[in-house]
């Protein structure tokens, strides 16, 4: 690294240190240059903290100036950003290890498949030893207790599934890429199913409800709250069919994953690192990014308020965060902003991981108190614009950040966090520590062994298709043609015909209670209602994100 990258800008004073009494620093740190001492003092915390690395100043690494982040501030959220290949993944690994060691569970989304090594001890080599010596790190090879998950069981991992009911209309609309009008109609469909206690477990349940609500018997059910047009119903059905044709039906169903599993600790007090393996579905970014949001929203829905605590209950790393915000509706962004703002008081910290801060909407970015910014590129006009925008998101500092951010090496970053008092720390160029777990993926055999030997594997491995909305509607119509036999592209008349059944059967039903009335009044349905923790006629409670929980 050249000297110019970490040289303070002209006229920079020691005013980067917090005002008032200076925090205590080590006797060796007291010999630092005045400006560097001011920065180091901003990171001299008295309580438990994670060690990120050592200060970079005037082209050199100052091991006596340690850069840390207070453990209680990890639920104030954060951002890890930087260009591809600058070391973001290793930064996640470094933070996850230390959180686990301090009893805090961690969730990591492993998009590229190279975070599974967190479960195994690292391998010492010359580069690791040199980095440890530079930053005054006493490196020792250690692995973390870990669980490995896979969406719908696609890939290596314990299957993670969600029911359609708990996923909710806002998230499902994003997955299906519905427009605002179609999203509102889907919301009406969910509202109807909720009020009638009809749980939607998988895609065929949702198709059954849509077909029924556009049939002769069901079309008046939503008239009082806007109704459901056959054109919109057709779009939703075709979207569901296309979604299923891409092999995505396995993500919805039972047994539904209990997000409380992410809060586990080992008997020795270490937090469990939950790794969601995504390489097998990385070509479906719309799906996995929305599923990550479901996990977070589900936690928000169920966890109690705890206020300020001495350590987070969970730290959740949201990798490839820009995918979450791409083409997001106003309702989606509003729910996301509120969830991030409020989940802090439930003890959960959220770190968004992406390339530049501009990938994150300003409303969300303003809530991220901890920042670790790796190097940025400035090869194109767009890169230059992104660089300038990134610099503006940092507090005033002693560095020329535009120059610094383009000159950082791999495993180096610009850091600012929240102090123990909740105030931003001085901006610090930092050479980061080396992870102590394996910096690379576990071999396939070891990963498979870790998955199948888990106590959770037997609970979630085998998919279950119990009776739910589709079966109830079909049974109440005497086994008429089911909506899972209806595919996208059918016209309105065909949808109505399929939903109503044969002509003679439909004529008899006109003299009887409606299909849904029969279902709701049946003993089988009452059993279903009890199983989802609701009562007949009582609406399922949903969170700000429209998610619902079956039981804990």
Protein backbone atom coordinates (compact mmCIF):
# COMPACT_ATOMS: atom_id res chain seq x y z
CA UNK A 1 0.00 0.00 0.00
CA UNK A 2 1.29 3.42 -0.87
CA UNK A 3 1.70 6.10 1.79
CA UNK A 4 -0.83 8.42 0.20
CA UNK A 5 -3.74 6.05 0.88
CA UNK A 6 -3.75 6.45 4.65
CA UNK A 7 -2.16 9.87 4.98
CA UNK A 8 -4.45 12.41 6.68
CA UNK A 9 -5.77 15.17 4.48
CA UNK A 10 -4.15 18.56 4.73
CA UNK A 11 -5.12 20.59 7.77
CA UNK A 12 -6.70 17.62 9.59
CA UNK A 13 -6.65 18.14 13.31
CA UNK A 14 -6.93 15.78 16.23
CA UNK A 15 -10.53 16.83 16.59
CA UNK A 16 -11.67 13.38 15.45
CA UNK A 17 -11.58 12.25 19.08
CA UNK A 18 -14.82 12.59 21.05
CA UNK A 19 -15.18 15.72 23.11
CA UNK A 20 -14.86 15.59 26.90
CA UNK A 21 -12.65 13.30 28.90
CA UNK A 22 -10.52 11.11 26.65
CA UNK A 23 -11.10 7.34 26.96
CA UNK A 24 -8.27 5.36 28.42
CA UNK A 25 -5.77 3.94 25.95
CA UNK A 26 -2.77 1.69 26.50
CA UNK A 27 0.57 3.19 27.46
CA UNK A 28 2.03 2.06 24.14
CA UNK A 29 -0.85 3.66 22.22
CA UNK A 30 -0.08 6.96 23.94
CA UNK A 31 3.07 7.19 21.81
CA UNK A 32 1.02 7.30 18.59
CA UNK A 33 0.92 10.40 16.37
CA UNK A 34 -1.53 12.96 17.70
CA UNK A 35 -4.17 12.43 14.98
CA UNK A 36 -3.91 8.63 15.20
CA UNK A 37 -4.17 8.82 18.99
CA UNK A 38 -7.41 10.77 18.63
CA UNK A 39 -8.86 8.04 16.43
CA UNK A 40 -7.61 5.23 18.71
CA UNK A 41 -9.20 6.91 21.73
CA UNK A 42 -12.58 6.68 20.01
CA UNK A 43 -12.31 2.87 20.05
CA UNK A 44 -11.03 2.41 23.63
CA UNK A 45 -14.20 0.83 25.00
CA UNK A 46 -14.49 -0.50 28.54
CA UNK A 47 -17.09 -3.24 27.95
CA UNK A 48 -17.11 -6.40 25.79
CA UNK A 49 -16.27 -5.72 22.15
CA UNK A 50 -15.37 -7.45 18.89
CA UNK A 51 -11.84 -6.87 17.59
CA UNK A 52 -11.81 -5.86 13.94
CA UNK A 53 -8.14 -5.02 13.40
CA UNK A 54 -5.51 -2.29 13.74
CA UNK A 55 -5.41 1.31 12.54
CA UNK A 56 -3.78 2.21 9.25
CA UNK A 57 -2.02 5.58 9.32
CA UNK A 58 0.41 7.23 6.90
CA UNK A 59 0.92 4.00 5.00
CA UNK A 60 1.68 1.85 8.05
CA UNK A 61 -0.24 -0.42 10.43
CA UNK A 62 -0.31 0.68 14.08
CA UNK A 63 -0.99 -2.47 16.14
CA UNK A 64 -1.31 -0.51 19.39
CA UNK A 65 -4.34 1.31 17.97
CA UNK A 66 -6.98 -1.43 17.98
CA UNK A 67 -10.26 -0.88 16.14
CA UNK A 68 -13.22 -2.54 17.85
CA UNK A 69 -17.03 -2.50 17.96
CA UNK A 70 -18.94 -2.70 21.28
CA UNK A 71 -20.94 -5.91 21.63
CA UNK A 72 -24.14 -4.18 22.84
CA UNK A 73 -24.09 -1.98 19.70
CA UNK A 74 -24.34 -4.92 17.30
CA UNK A 75 -28.14 -4.72 17.43
CA UNK A 76 -27.94 -1.16 16.05
CA UNK A 77 -27.49 -2.74 12.62
CA UNK A 78 -24.72 -2.26 10.10
CA UNK A 79 -23.42 -2.30 6.55
CA UNK A 80 -20.54 -4.27 5.08
CA UNK A 81 -19.82 -2.96 1.58
CA UNK A 82 -17.12 -3.11 -1.06
CA UNK A 83 -16.31 -4.21 -4.56
CA UNK A 84 -16.10 -7.89 -5.48
CA UNK A 85 -12.92 -9.52 -4.22
CA UNK A 86 -12.10 -6.97 -1.51
CA UNK A 87 -12.68 -9.29 1.45
CA UNK A 88 -16.31 -8.82 2.50
CA UNK A 89 -16.87 -12.55 3.00
CA UNK A 90 -13.86 -12.88 5.30
CA UNK A 91 -15.09 -9.88 7.27
CA UNK A 92 -18.42 -11.64 7.84
CA UNK A 93 -16.54 -14.74 8.94
CA UNK A 94 -14.36 -12.74 11.35
CA UNK A 95 -17.37 -11.09 12.98
CA UNK A 96 -19.39 -14.33 13.11
CA UNK A 97 -16.58 -16.17 14.91
CA UNK A 98 -16.30 -13.57 17.63
CA UNK A 99 -20.04 -13.27 18.09
CA UNK A 100 -20.32 -17.03 18.48
CA UNK A 101 -17.49 -17.06 21.02
CA UNK A 102 -19.34 -14.42 23.05
CA UNK A 103 -22.57 -16.40 23.10
CA UNK A 104 -24.42 -14.62 20.28
CA UNK A 105 -26.10 -16.76 17.58
CA UNK A 106 -25.42 -15.69 13.99
CA UNK A 107 -27.24 -16.14 10.70
CA UNK A 108 -25.21 -16.09 7.48
CA UNK A 109 -26.53 -16.35 3.92
CA UNK A 110 -23.84 -18.19 1.94
CA UNK A 111 -24.50 -17.19 -1.66
CA UNK A 112 -21.21 -18.39 -3.15
CA UNK A 113 -20.70 -21.45 -0.94
CA UNK A 114 -17.47 -20.34 0.71
CA UNK A 115 -18.72 -19.65 4.25
CA UNK A 116 -19.24 -23.26 5.27
CA UNK A 117 -15.63 -23.31 6.50
CA UNK A 118 -16.76 -21.40 9.59
CA UNK A 119 -17.48 -24.81 11.16
CA UNK A 120 -13.87 -26.05 10.86
CA UNK A 121 -10.55 -24.82 12.30
CA UNK A 122 -8.47 -22.70 9.94
CA UNK A 123 -5.17 -23.76 8.47
CA UNK A 124 -2.15 -21.71 9.52
CA UNK A 125 0.10 -20.43 6.75
CA UNK A 126 2.61 -17.63 6.18
CA UNK A 127 0.00 -15.10 5.08
CA UNK A 128 -2.19 -15.72 8.12
CA UNK A 129 0.82 -15.51 10.43
CA UNK A 130 2.01 -12.26 8.86
CA UNK A 131 -1.44 -10.68 9.11
CA UNK A 132 -1.78 -11.75 12.76
CA UNK A 133 1.60 -10.22 13.61
CA UNK A 134 0.75 -6.96 11.85
CA UNK A 135 -2.48 -6.42 13.79
CA UNK A 136 -1.36 -7.85 17.15
CA UNK A 137 -3.68 -10.85 16.91
CA UNK A 138 -3.04 -14.04 18.86
CA UNK A 139 -4.30 -16.32 16.11
CA UNK A 140 -5.44 -19.86 16.97
CA UNK A 141 -7.27 -22.24 14.65
CA UNK A 142 -10.89 -22.64 15.81
CA UNK A 143 -14.19 -23.69 14.31
CA UNK A 144 -17.67 -22.63 15.38
CA UNK A 145 -20.77 -24.71 16.17
CA UNK A 146 -22.77 -24.51 12.96
CA UNK A 147 -25.98 -25.68 11.31
CA UNK A 148 -26.39 -25.78 7.54
CA UNK A 149 -29.68 -25.11 5.79
CA UNK A 150 -30.93 -25.13 2.19
CA UNK A 151 -34.07 -23.51 0.74
CA UNK A 152 -36.61 -26.21 0.07
CA UNK A 153 -33.87 -28.81 0.47
CA UNK A 154 -32.33 -27.81 -2.87
CA UNK A 155 -28.62 -28.16 -2.21
CA UNK A 156 -26.80 -29.44 0.85
CA UNK A 157 -28.55 -28.46 4.03
CA UNK A 158 -31.53 -29.00 6.30
CA UNK A 159 -34.60 -28.01 4.24
CA UNK A 160 -36.10 -24.59 5.00
CA UNK A 161 -39.74 -24.27 3.93
CA UNK A 162 -42.51 -21.77 4.57
CA UNK A 163 -46.25 -22.09 4.20
CA UNK A 164 -47.99 -19.72 1.82
CA UNK A 165 -50.06 -18.41 4.74
CA UNK A 166 -47.04 -17.42 6.81
CA UNK A 167 -45.14 -16.04 3.81
CA UNK A 168 -47.90 -13.52 3.23
CA UNK A 169 -49.06 -11.45 0.25
CA UNK A 170 -46.37 -8.73 0.29
CA UNK A 171 -43.43 -11.11 0.03
CA UNK A 172 -45.22 -13.47 -2.36
CA UNK A 173 -46.07 -10.57 -4.67
CA UNK A 174 -42.37 -9.71 -4.88
CA UNK A 175 -41.47 -13.31 -5.71
CA UNK A 176 -44.18 -13.49 -8.38
CA UNK A 177 -43.29 -9.99 -9.67
CA UNK A 178 -46.85 -8.73 -9.48
CA UNK A 179 -47.67 -5.09 -10.11
CA UNK A 180 -49.28 -2.94 -7.35
CA UNK A 181 -52.83 -3.66 -8.52
CA UNK A 182 -52.20 -7.41 -8.63
CA UNK A 183 -50.49 -7.20 -5.23
CA UNK A 184 -53.59 -5.57 -3.75
CA UNK A 185 -55.77 -8.31 -5.22
CA UNK A 186 -53.51 -10.97 -3.76
CA UNK A 187 -53.85 -9.21 -0.41
CA UNK A 188 -57.65 -9.56 -0.67
CA UNK A 189 -57.27 -13.28 -1.38
CA UNK A 190 -55.10 -13.72 1.72
CA UNK A 191 -57.54 -11.62 3.76
CA UNK A 192 -60.38 -13.90 2.72
CA UNK A 193 -58.44 -17.08 3.53
CA UNK A 194 -57.38 -15.63 6.88
CA UNK A 195 -60.88 -14.61 7.96
CA UNK A 196 -62.26 -18.03 7.01
CA UNK A 197 -59.37 -19.81 8.72
CA UNK A 198 -58.36 -21.54 5.47
CA UNK A 199 -54.64 -22.12 5.81
CA UNK A 200 -52.65 -22.01 2.58
CA UNK A 201 -49.85 -24.51 2.97
CA UNK A 202 -48.57 -24.79 -0.58
CA UNK A 203 -49.17 -23.48 -4.09
CA UNK A 204 -52.13 -25.74 -4.87
CA UNK A 205 -53.97 -24.31 -1.85
CA UNK A 206 -53.56 -20.79 -3.20
CA UNK A 207 -54.67 -21.84 -6.67
CA UNK A 208 -57.77 -23.46 -5.13
CA UNK A 209 -58.76 -20.26 -3.34
CA UNK A 210 -58.18 -18.11 -6.43
CA UNK A 211 -60.25 -20.45 -8.59
CA UNK A 212 -63.04 -20.55 -6.04
CA UNK A 213 -63.21 -16.75 -5.68
CA UNK A 214 -63.68 -16.39 -9.45
CA UNK A 215 -66.32 -19.13 -9.66
CA UNK A 216 -70.08 -18.58 -9.72
CA UNK A 217 -70.28 -19.61 -6.08
CA UNK A 218 -67.35 -17.60 -4.81
CA UNK A 219 -67.29 -14.40 -6.85
CA UNK A 220 -69.59 -12.55 -4.44
CA UNK A 221 -67.45 -13.36 -1.40
CA UNK A 222 -65.16 -10.37 -2.01
CA UNK A 223 -67.70 -8.02 -3.56
CA UNK A 224 -68.00 -5.94 -0.41
CA UNK A 225 -64.25 -5.20 -0.31
CA UNK A 226 -63.48 -4.67 -3.96
CA UNK A 227 -63.85 -8.08 -5.57
CA UNK A 228 -61.39 -10.07 -7.66
CA UNK A 229 -61.47 -9.68 -11.42
CA UNK A 230 -61.07 -12.77 -13.55
CA UNK A 231 -58.31 -11.01 -15.50
CA UNK A 232 -56.24 -10.40 -12.38
CA UNK A 233 -56.98 -13.91 -11.14
CA UNK A 234 -55.70 -15.25 -14.45
CA UNK A 235 -52.46 -13.29 -14.11
CA UNK A 236 -51.93 -14.61 -10.59
CA UNK A 237 -52.64 -18.19 -11.67
CA UNK A 238 -50.27 -17.92 -14.63
CA UNK A 239 -47.56 -16.45 -12.39
CA UNK A 240 -47.99 -19.32 -9.94
CA UNK A 241 -47.76 -21.83 -12.78
CA UNK A 242 -44.59 -20.24 -14.18
CA UNK A 243 -43.12 -20.11 -10.68
CA UNK A 244 -43.81 -23.81 -10.19
CA UNK A 245 -42.47 -24.69 -13.64
CA UNK A 246 -39.11 -23.22 -12.59
CA UNK A 247 -38.90 -25.83 -9.84
CA UNK A 248 -39.73 -23.47 -7.00
CA UNK A 249 -42.75 -25.25 -5.51
CA UNK A 250 -40.53 -27.09 -3.02
CA UNK A 251 -39.88 -23.88 -1.09
CA UNK A 252 -43.48 -23.78 0.10
CA UNK A 253 -44.95 -26.48 2.31
CA UNK A 254 -44.45 -28.27 5.58
CA UNK A 255 -42.85 -28.91 7.97
CA UNK A 256 -42.41 -25.15 8.12
CA UNK A 257 -39.09 -23.94 9.47
CA UNK A 258 -39.25 -22.51 12.98
CA UNK A 259 -37.04 -19.41 12.97
CA UNK A 260 -36.54 -19.90 16.70
CA UNK A 261 -33.90 -22.48 15.66
CA UNK A 262 -31.68 -19.53 14.68
CA UNK A 263 -31.48 -18.37 18.32
CA UNK A 264 -29.79 -21.47 19.70
CA UNK A 265 -26.60 -21.68 21.77
CA UNK A 266 -24.44 -24.67 22.61
CA UNK A 267 -24.08 -26.13 26.09
CA UNK A 268 -20.69 -24.45 26.39
CA UNK A 269 -22.35 -21.08 25.84
CA UNK A 270 -21.19 -20.46 22.26
CA UNK A 271 -23.74 -19.15 19.81
CA UNK A 272 -24.70 -21.40 16.90
CA UNK A 273 -23.80 -20.07 13.45
CA UNK A 274 -26.67 -20.85 11.06
CA UNK A 275 -25.47 -20.96 7.46
CA UNK A 276 -28.08 -20.90 4.69
CA UNK A 277 -26.40 -22.55 1.71
CA UNK A 278 -27.55 -20.80 -1.47
CA UNK A 279 -25.19 -21.89 -4.29
CA UNK A 280 -27.86 -24.23 -5.72
CA UNK A 281 -30.36 -21.36 -6.02
CA UNK A 282 -28.06 -18.41 -6.66
CA UNK A 283 -29.58 -18.08 -10.14
CA UNK A 284 -32.92 -17.26 -8.45
CA UNK A 285 -32.03 -14.08 -6.60
CA UNK A 286 -35.60 -12.78 -6.40
CA UNK A 287 -36.56 -15.91 -4.50
CA UNK A 288 -33.72 -16.29 -2.03
CA UNK A 289 -33.50 -12.60 -1.16
CA UNK A 290 -37.24 -12.55 -0.40
CA UNK A 291 -36.95 -15.74 1.64
CA UNK A 292 -34.25 -14.09 3.73
CA UNK A 293 -36.69 -11.28 4.38
CA UNK A 294 -39.31 -13.82 5.45
CA UNK A 295 -36.92 -15.26 8.02
CA UNK A 296 -36.27 -11.79 9.42
CA UNK A 297 -39.94 -10.77 9.35
CA UNK A 298 -40.93 -14.00 11.08
CA UNK A 299 -38.46 -13.32 13.88
CA UNK A 300 -39.83 -9.80 14.18
CA UNK A 301 -43.37 -11.16 14.40
CA UNK A 302 -42.63 -13.54 17.28
CA UNK A 303 -39.86 -12.09 19.43
CA UNK A 304 -40.76 -10.05 22.52
CA UNK A 305 -39.54 -6.52 23.16
CA UNK A 306 -36.35 -6.49 25.23
CA UNK A 307 -35.03 -2.93 24.79
CA UNK A 308 -31.31 -2.34 25.26
CA UNK A 309 -29.47 -5.50 26.30
CA UNK A 310 -25.82 -6.33 26.94
CA UNK A 311 -25.56 -8.51 23.83
CA UNK A 312 -27.79 -9.21 20.82
CA UNK A 313 -30.05 -12.24 20.70
CA UNK A 314 -29.06 -12.75 17.08
CA UNK A 315 -27.03 -10.98 14.41
CA UNK A 316 -28.45 -11.50 10.92
CA UNK A 317 -26.21 -10.96 7.86
CA UNK A 318 -28.19 -10.15 4.72
CA UNK A 319 -25.83 -10.90 1.83
CA UNK A 320 -26.41 -9.58 -1.72
CA UNK A 321 -28.71 -6.99 -0.13
CA UNK A 322 -29.20 -5.06 -3.39
CA UNK A 323 -31.32 -7.96 -4.67
CA UNK A 324 -33.82 -7.30 -1.91
CA UNK A 325 -34.41 -3.73 -3.04
CA UNK A 326 -34.45 -4.28 -6.81
CA UNK A 327 -37.94 -3.71 -8.25
CA UNK A 328 -39.40 -3.55 -4.75
CA UNK A 329 -42.89 -2.10 -4.38
CA UNK A 330 -43.61 0.86 -2.14
CA UNK A 331 -45.46 -1.44 0.27
CA UNK A 332 -42.48 -3.78 0.40
CA UNK A 333 -39.97 -1.00 1.09
CA UNK A 334 -42.20 0.55 3.73
CA UNK A 335 -42.56 -2.78 5.54
CA UNK A 336 -38.81 -3.42 5.28
CA UNK A 337 -37.96 -0.01 6.73
CA UNK A 338 -40.32 -0.47 9.66
CA UNK A 339 -39.05 -3.99 10.34
CA UNK A 340 -35.41 -2.88 10.44
CA UNK A 341 -36.27 0.10 12.63
CA UNK A 342 -38.27 -1.90 15.18
CA UNK A 343 -36.45 -5.23 15.33
CA UNK A 344 -33.53 -3.60 17.18
CA UNK A 345 -35.67 -3.41 20.32
CA UNK A 346 -36.19 -7.17 20.03
CA UNK A 347 -32.48 -7.81 20.31
CA UNK A 348 -31.75 -8.59 16.65
CA UNK A 349 -29.00 -6.85 14.72
CA UNK A 350 -29.14 -6.78 10.92
CA UNK A 351 -26.10 -6.26 8.68
CA UNK A 352 -26.68 -5.62 5.00
CA UNK A 353 -23.87 -6.83 2.74
CA UNK A 354 -23.57 -5.30 -0.72
CA UNK A 355 -21.19 -3.46 -3.04
CA UNK A 356 -21.99 0.21 -2.38
CA UNK A 357 -24.11 2.05 0.19
CA UNK A 358 -26.25 3.43 -2.63
CA UNK A 359 -27.65 -0.12 -3.06
CA UNK A 360 -29.54 0.45 0.18
CA UNK A 361 -32.42 2.97 0.29
CA UNK A 362 -31.72 6.09 2.33
CA UNK A 363 -34.51 5.26 4.79
CA UNK A 364 -32.77 1.98 5.65
CA UNK A 365 -29.20 3.27 5.38
CA UNK A 366 -29.93 5.92 8.00
CA UNK A 367 -30.65 3.16 10.52
CA UNK A 368 -27.31 1.37 10.08
CA UNK A 369 -25.03 2.52 12.89
CA UNK A 370 -21.99 0.35 12.12
CA UNK A 371 -20.10 0.64 8.83
CA UNK A 372 -17.31 -1.48 7.37
CA UNK A 373 -16.48 -0.20 3.89
CA UNK A 374 -14.00 -2.17 1.79
CA UNK A 375 -12.36 -0.81 -1.37
CA UNK A 376 -14.39 0.61 -4.23
CA UNK A 377 -13.52 0.79 -7.92
CA UNK A 378 -13.52 4.03 -9.91
CA UNK A 379 -13.03 2.85 -13.49
CA UNK A 380 -16.17 4.31 -15.05
CA UNK A 381 -18.26 7.49 -14.63
CA UNK A 382 -20.86 5.44 -12.75
CA UNK A 383 -18.12 4.13 -10.44
CA UNK A 384 -16.96 7.70 -9.80
CA UNK A 385 -20.49 8.76 -8.98
CA UNK A 386 -20.94 5.84 -6.58
CA UNK A 387 -17.61 6.66 -4.92
CA UNK A 388 -18.60 10.28 -4.29
CA UNK A 389 -21.99 9.18 -2.95
CA UNK A 390 -20.30 6.72 -0.58
CA UNK A 391 -17.94 9.37 0.80
CA UNK A 392 -20.90 11.60 1.62
CA UNK A 393 -22.40 8.90 3.83
CA UNK A 394 -19.41 9.00 6.24
CA UNK A 395 -18.84 11.50 9.06
CA UNK A 396 -16.11 14.11 8.59
CA UNK A 397 -12.73 12.43 8.95
CA UNK A 398 -8.99 12.99 8.95
CA UNK A 399 -8.66 11.08 5.67
CA UNK A 400 -9.15 11.94 2.02
CA UNK A 401 -11.79 9.23 1.67
CA UNK A 402 -12.09 9.36 -2.11
CA UNK A 403 -8.40 8.54 -2.41
CA UNK A 404 -8.41 6.10 0.47
CA UNK A 405 -11.36 3.99 -0.67
CA UNK A 406 -9.83 3.32 -4.10
CA UNK A 407 -6.47 2.36 -2.61
CA UNK A 408 -7.40 -0.09 0.14
CA UNK A 409 -5.98 -3.58 -0.18
CA UNK A 410 -7.74 -6.93 0.30
CA UNK A 411 -8.72 -7.32 3.93
CA UNK A 412 -8.61 -3.58 4.62
CA UNK A 413 -11.60 -1.33 5.23
CA UNK A 414 -12.77 2.05 6.43
CA UNK A 415 -14.65 1.63 9.72
CA UNK A 416 -16.97 3.73 11.84
CA UNK A 417 -19.22 2.20 14.50
CA UNK A 418 -21.37 3.33 17.41
CA UNK A 419 -19.57 3.84 20.70
CA UNK A 420 -20.88 2.51 24.00
CA UNK A 421 -22.75 5.82 24.36
CA UNK A 422 -24.33 5.48 20.93
CA UNK A 423 -22.24 8.19 19.23
CA UNK A 424 -20.37 7.54 15.94
CA UNK A 425 -16.68 6.75 16.35
CA UNK A 426 -14.00 8.50 14.29
CA UNK A 427 -13.51 7.11 10.79
CA UNK A 428 -10.63 4.62 10.90
CA UNK A 429 -8.76 2.97 8.03
CA UNK A 430 -8.28 -0.56 9.33
CA UNK A 431 -6.23 -3.62 8.51
CA UNK A 432 -8.62 -6.40 9.50
CA UNK A 433 -7.76 -9.51 11.48
CA UNK A 434 -7.65 -12.95 9.88
CA UNK A 435 -10.52 -15.39 10.56
CA UNK A 436 -9.55 -18.34 12.77
CA UNK A 437 -11.89 -20.78 11.05
CA UNK A 438 -11.34 -22.32 7.62
CA UNK A 439 -11.21 -19.61 4.93
CA UNK A 440 -12.93 -21.65 2.24
CA UNK A 441 -15.71 -24.22 1.86
CA UNK A 442 -15.92 -27.50 3.73
CA UNK A 443 -15.41 -30.49 1.48
CA UNK A 444 -18.66 -32.08 0.30
CA UNK A 445 -18.38 -35.13 2.53
CA UNK A 446 -17.81 -33.15 5.71
CA UNK A 447 -20.69 -30.80 4.87
CA UNK A 448 -23.08 -33.69 4.20
CA UNK A 449 -22.05 -35.34 7.47
CA UNK A 450 -22.69 -32.10 9.37
CA UNK A 451 -26.18 -31.86 7.84
CA UNK A 452 -27.37 -35.44 8.35
CA UNK A 453 -25.95 -35.72 11.88
CA UNK A 454 -27.83 -32.63 13.05
CA UNK A 455 -30.64 -33.15 15.55
CA UNK A 456 -32.79 -30.91 13.31
CA UNK A 457 -32.42 -33.04 10.20
CA UNK A 458 -35.11 -35.58 11.17
CA UNK A 459 -37.50 -32.77 12.02
CA UNK A 460 -37.36 -30.99 8.67
CA UNK A 461 -35.92 -33.40 6.08
CA UNK A 462 -39.13 -35.07 4.90
CA UNK A 463 -41.82 -32.90 3.30
CA UNK A 464 -45.39 -33.42 4.57
CA UNK A 465 -48.59 -32.74 2.59
CA UNK A 466 -51.42 -32.67 5.12
CA UNK A 467 -54.99 -31.64 4.48
CA UNK A 468 -55.37 -27.91 3.93
CA UNK A 469 -57.42 -25.46 1.85
CA UNK A 470 -57.24 -27.39 -1.43
CA UNK A 471 -58.24 -30.71 0.09
CA UNK A 472 -61.08 -29.11 2.09
CA UNK A 473 -62.53 -27.32 -0.91
CA UNK A 474 -62.29 -30.41 -3.09
CA UNK A 475 -63.78 -32.71 -0.44
CA UNK A 476 -66.71 -30.34 0.12
CA UNK A 477 -67.46 -30.49 -3.63
CA UNK A 478 -67.50 -34.28 -3.63
CA UNK A 479 -64.16 -34.75 -5.33
CA UNK A 480 -64.76 -32.49 -8.30
CA UNK A 481 -61.85 -31.49 -10.50
CA UNK A 482 -59.21 -29.79 -8.35
CA UNK A 483 -57.56 -26.44 -8.94
CA UNK A 484 -54.13 -28.10 -9.14
CA UNK A 485 -55.33 -29.39 -12.49
CA UNK A 486 -55.91 -25.82 -13.67
CA UNK A 487 -52.89 -24.24 -15.32
CA UNK A 488 -52.09 -20.69 -16.32
CA UNK A 489 -53.48 -19.44 -19.60
CA UNK A 490 -57.02 -20.71 -19.06
CA UNK A 491 -59.79 -18.25 -19.81
CA UNK A 492 -62.22 -16.89 -17.20
CA UNK A 493 -64.99 -19.30 -18.24
CA UNK A 494 -62.70 -22.28 -17.79
CA UNK A 495 -61.56 -21.02 -14.39
CA UNK A 496 -65.15 -20.63 -13.24
CA UNK A 497 -66.12 -24.02 -14.59
CA UNK A 498 -63.22 -25.78 -12.91
CA UNK A 499 -63.91 -24.07 -9.61
CA UNK A 500 -67.66 -24.77 -9.68
CA UNK A 501 -67.46 -28.41 -10.81
CA UNK A 502 -69.86 -30.28 -13.09
CA UNK A 503 -73.17 -28.66 -14.07
CA UNK A 504 -75.43 -31.05 -12.15
CA UNK A 505 -73.30 -30.77 -9.00
CA UNK A 506 -73.33 -26.96 -9.30
CA UNK A 507 -77.13 -26.90 -9.59
CA UNK A 508 -77.49 -28.96 -6.40
CA UNK A 509 -75.14 -26.64 -4.55
CA UNK A 510 -77.29 -23.59 -5.32
CA UNK A 511 -79.82 -25.02 -2.88
CA UNK A 512 -77.17 -25.68 -0.22
CA UNK A 513 -74.70 -23.51 1.76
CA UNK A 514 -71.77 -22.19 -0.25
CA UNK A 515 -68.63 -24.28 -0.59
CA UNK A 516 -66.72 -22.18 1.94
CA UNK A 517 -69.65 -22.29 4.39
CA UNK A 518 -69.60 -26.07 4.17
CA UNK A 519 -65.85 -26.16 4.67
CA UNK A 520 -65.93 -23.73 7.61
CA UNK A 521 -68.69 -25.70 9.31
CA UNK A 522 -67.03 -29.09 8.94
CA UNK A 523 -65.33 -30.96 11.75
CA UNK A 524 -62.26 -31.49 9.60
CA UNK A 525 -61.94 -27.76 9.08
CA UNK A 526 -62.21 -27.09 12.82
CA UNK A 527 -59.29 -29.43 13.34
CA UNK A 528 -57.34 -27.49 10.69
CA UNK A 529 -58.21 -24.21 12.39
CA UNK A 530 -56.93 -25.47 15.72
CA UNK A 531 -53.70 -26.62 14.09
CA UNK A 532 -52.92 -23.07 12.91
CA UNK A 533 -53.72 -21.52 16.27
CA UNK A 534 -56.86 -19.69 15.15
CA UNK A 535 -60.63 -19.99 15.61
CA UNK A 536 -63.45 -20.01 13.09
CA UNK A 537 -64.11 -16.50 11.84
CA UNK A 538 -61.07 -15.00 13.59
CA UNK A 539 -58.52 -13.39 11.28
CA UNK A 540 -54.92 -14.58 11.37
CA UNK A 541 -52.67 -11.96 12.96
CA UNK A 542 -50.10 -10.58 10.54
CA UNK A 543 -46.97 -8.52 11.07
CA UNK A 544 -46.08 -5.23 9.40
CA UNK A 545 -44.68 -7.36 6.57
CA UNK A 546 -47.88 -9.33 6.12
CA UNK A 547 -46.32 -12.52 7.48
CA UNK A 548 -48.22 -14.85 9.79
CA UNK A 549 -47.02 -17.52 12.16
CA UNK A 550 -48.68 -20.88 12.64
CA UNK A 551 -47.33 -21.71 16.13
CA UNK A 552 -44.20 -21.67 18.29
